[in-house]
Protein backbone atom coordinates (compact mmCIF):
# COMPACT_ATOMS: atom_id res chain seq x y z
CA MET A 1 -99.35 -15.49 -32.52
CA SER A 2 -100.92 -18.77 -31.57
CA LEU A 3 -103.98 -18.63 -29.34
CA ASP A 4 -105.69 -21.57 -27.70
CA GLU A 5 -109.37 -22.18 -26.98
CA THR A 6 -109.13 -20.53 -23.54
CA ASP A 7 -107.63 -17.36 -25.05
CA TYR A 8 -110.49 -17.18 -27.54
CA LYS A 9 -113.05 -17.62 -24.74
CA ILE A 10 -111.46 -14.79 -22.75
CA ILE A 11 -111.41 -12.55 -25.82
CA SER A 12 -115.05 -13.36 -26.59
CA VAL A 13 -116.20 -12.40 -23.09
CA LEU A 14 -114.07 -9.25 -23.13
CA GLN A 15 -115.63 -8.23 -26.45
CA GLU A 16 -119.00 -8.11 -24.70
CA ASP A 17 -117.66 -5.89 -21.89
CA SER A 18 -113.98 -5.08 -21.62
CA SER A 19 -114.47 -3.22 -18.32
CA GLN A 20 -115.03 -6.42 -16.34
CA THR A 21 -112.76 -7.10 -13.40
CA TYR A 22 -110.60 -10.22 -13.43
CA ARG A 23 -112.92 -11.67 -10.78
CA GLU A 24 -116.04 -11.06 -12.91
CA LEU A 25 -114.31 -12.45 -15.98
CA ALA A 26 -113.17 -15.56 -14.07
CA GLY A 27 -116.70 -16.11 -12.77
CA ARG A 28 -118.21 -15.91 -16.24
CA LEU A 29 -115.62 -18.35 -17.57
CA SER A 30 -115.64 -20.69 -14.54
CA MET A 31 -111.89 -20.20 -14.20
CA ASN A 32 -109.48 -19.23 -11.45
CA GLU A 33 -109.02 -15.46 -11.16
CA SER A 34 -105.21 -15.63 -11.18
CA THR A 35 -105.27 -17.77 -14.33
CA VAL A 36 -107.50 -15.24 -16.07
CA ARG A 37 -105.28 -12.36 -14.94
CA LYS A 38 -102.14 -14.08 -16.26
CA ARG A 39 -103.83 -14.91 -19.56
CA VAL A 40 -105.10 -11.35 -20.08
CA ILE A 41 -101.68 -9.89 -19.25
CA ALA A 42 -100.07 -12.32 -21.71
CA LEU A 43 -102.58 -11.31 -24.41
CA LYS A 44 -101.77 -7.65 -23.82
CA LYS A 45 -98.04 -8.33 -24.04
CA ARG A 46 -98.66 -10.01 -27.39
CA GLY A 47 -100.26 -6.82 -28.68
CA LEU A 48 -103.96 -7.39 -28.11
CA ARG A 49 -105.80 -4.25 -27.04
CA PHE A 50 -109.22 -3.98 -25.50
CA THR A 51 -111.36 -1.04 -26.53
CA ILE A 52 -114.91 0.14 -26.18
CA ILE A 53 -117.80 0.07 -28.62
CA VAL A 54 -119.44 3.46 -28.87
CA ASP A 55 -123.14 4.05 -29.40
CA THR A 56 -122.54 7.08 -31.60
CA SER A 57 -126.11 8.35 -31.30
CA LYS A 58 -125.55 8.91 -27.57
CA LEU A 59 -122.69 11.25 -28.49
CA GLY A 60 -124.79 13.28 -30.91
CA PHE A 61 -123.69 11.56 -34.11
CA LYS A 62 -126.83 10.69 -36.05
CA THR A 63 -125.15 9.60 -39.29
CA ASP A 64 -122.54 6.84 -39.44
CA ALA A 65 -120.99 5.97 -42.77
CA SER A 66 -118.26 4.04 -44.48
CA LEU A 67 -116.34 5.60 -47.33
CA GLY A 68 -114.58 3.60 -50.01
CA VAL A 69 -111.83 5.81 -51.40
CA ASP A 70 -110.12 5.11 -54.75
CA VAL A 71 -106.74 6.76 -55.20
CA ASP A 72 -104.23 7.36 -57.98
CA PRO A 73 -101.67 4.58 -57.32
CA SER A 74 -98.78 7.05 -57.48
CA LYS A 75 -100.31 9.04 -54.60
CA LEU A 76 -101.40 6.17 -52.34
CA LEU A 77 -99.05 6.90 -49.44
CA GLU A 78 -99.58 10.66 -49.66
CA VAL A 79 -103.39 10.35 -49.63
CA GLY A 80 -103.26 7.81 -46.79
CA LYS A 81 -101.32 10.25 -44.61
CA LYS A 82 -103.73 13.08 -45.42
CA LEU A 83 -106.77 10.91 -44.63
CA ALA A 84 -105.25 9.90 -41.28
CA GLU A 85 -104.87 13.59 -40.38
CA LEU A 86 -108.27 14.77 -41.60
CA PRO A 87 -110.64 15.77 -38.76
CA GLY A 88 -113.94 13.90 -38.58
CA LEU A 89 -112.63 10.55 -39.79
CA ARG A 90 -112.74 7.94 -37.03
CA MET A 91 -110.82 5.12 -38.68
CA VAL A 92 -108.81 4.86 -41.88
CA TYR A 93 -107.82 1.46 -43.28
CA THR A 94 -105.91 0.42 -46.36
CA ALA A 95 -108.02 -2.14 -48.16
CA SER A 96 -108.04 -4.70 -50.91
CA GLY A 97 -111.01 -5.06 -53.22
CA GLU A 98 -113.01 -2.23 -54.72
CA SER A 99 -111.34 0.61 -52.82
CA ASP A 100 -107.83 1.53 -51.77
CA PHE A 101 -109.01 2.88 -48.40
CA GLN A 102 -112.00 2.25 -46.15
CA VAL A 103 -112.88 5.14 -43.88
CA VAL A 104 -115.30 5.15 -40.94
CA VAL A 105 -117.12 8.43 -40.38
CA TRP A 106 -119.37 9.62 -37.55
CA ALA A 107 -121.29 12.76 -38.52
CA SER A 108 -123.82 14.85 -36.65
CA ASP A 109 -126.16 14.77 -39.66
CA ARG A 110 -126.24 14.25 -43.42
CA ASP A 111 -124.99 17.78 -44.13
CA ALA A 112 -121.93 17.17 -41.95
CA LEU A 113 -121.36 13.87 -43.77
CA ALA A 114 -121.61 15.66 -47.13
CA ASN A 115 -119.00 18.17 -45.93
CA ILE A 116 -116.63 15.35 -44.94
CA VAL A 117 -117.14 13.61 -48.30
CA GLU A 118 -116.37 16.90 -50.09
CA ARG A 119 -113.13 17.32 -48.10
CA VAL A 120 -112.05 13.74 -48.85
CA SER A 121 -112.95 14.10 -52.53
CA ALA A 122 -110.94 17.32 -52.78
CA LEU A 123 -107.67 15.66 -51.68
CA ASP A 124 -105.09 15.55 -54.46
CA GLY A 125 -104.94 12.00 -55.78
CA VAL A 126 -108.47 10.93 -54.80
CA LEU A 127 -110.26 9.54 -57.85
CA LYS A 128 -113.58 8.41 -56.40
CA VAL A 129 -115.41 8.22 -53.08
CA ARG A 130 -118.20 5.68 -52.47
CA VAL A 131 -120.46 6.42 -49.52
CA SER A 132 -122.39 3.78 -47.61
CA VAL A 133 -124.59 5.17 -44.85
CA VAL A 134 -125.29 2.84 -41.94
CA ALA A 135 -129.02 2.13 -41.81
CA GLU A 136 -129.03 0.14 -38.57
CA ARG A 137 -126.32 -1.26 -36.31
CA LEU A 138 -126.94 -4.95 -35.62
CA LYS A 139 -123.86 -5.82 -33.59
């Protein structure tokens, strides 16, 4: 997928607030509204999705964390499926580097996080779970 400078500008402005109307977006970019609409529709057709960024504290989640999960290589697919189905995990990614999976967790408190970590650790094939608690969200 090849994007040009205008596509990147549109994406950048949408990352700040994806709920903007085409008119608002066009005004911020000093572009024609119909051009912006066509570009956004084309981006969507190419598979780009626009989502929201959640302030988890406003939803009652006081502890955000990232889990690095190491897995027995023979059970990689099996563990990945189980992680994707496990309640309380917001995002599950396969990863390169230190861990086989990176998992994003929103928990109501540290006890709830500990419970989630215990459930992940108990999955057959999980060798190690590294927990990184978010201290402060900067962006």
